[in-house]
Amino acid sequence: MSAAPQSATPTPTPPITGITFQVDIDAGRAAVLAALNTHDGLTGWWTTGVDRKDETLLFDFPQVPEPFRLRRDRADEGRVQWTSVGAFPPHWSGTVISWDLSDVPDAPGTTRVLFRHTGWQADDPFLPHSAYTWGQLMTSLKRYAETGTPQPLFSF
């Protein structure tokens, strides 16, 4: 007696709740940290609209009604981490953005950056667009950290 054929039930894909990129930057950790943690650095690759109140960074963008508010939780040559503490954009509220910095084996003076933006709601419709924009921003960060020439993705 043979068994009836079983149909393959696809395993559900878990929802994506974060964005991750890794990039090697031909610059030392101090230069990458400066790009992620100083006014000149942030305006060199992200947006020209950067301000700060205590440990909260305020990022303004063209045609956006209010600044993104990101609390700086950590900033050293091992990790930079921010938490979104503003009401805008609502889909960022409570999410965590981090950059882990490490040396690249066999490439002295090169920094490996592991970027993560985590804490998204499952199936958030804004996640794909944000992932695309972060991909562009990682390229902009790399270019700025390697050359020191400001070319922010967003400017007024």
Foldseek 3Di string as FASTA:
>chain_A
DDDDDDDDDDDDDFFDFKAKDKDKAQAALVLLLCLVPDLLNVCQAAEPAWDDDVQWIWADFPPDPGTFTWGFPDGDSAKTKTAGPDCPPVQRHGWMWMWGWDDDPPRPRMIMIMIMTGDGDGPDVCVVVVNVVVVSSVVSSRVCSRPVGRDYPGYD
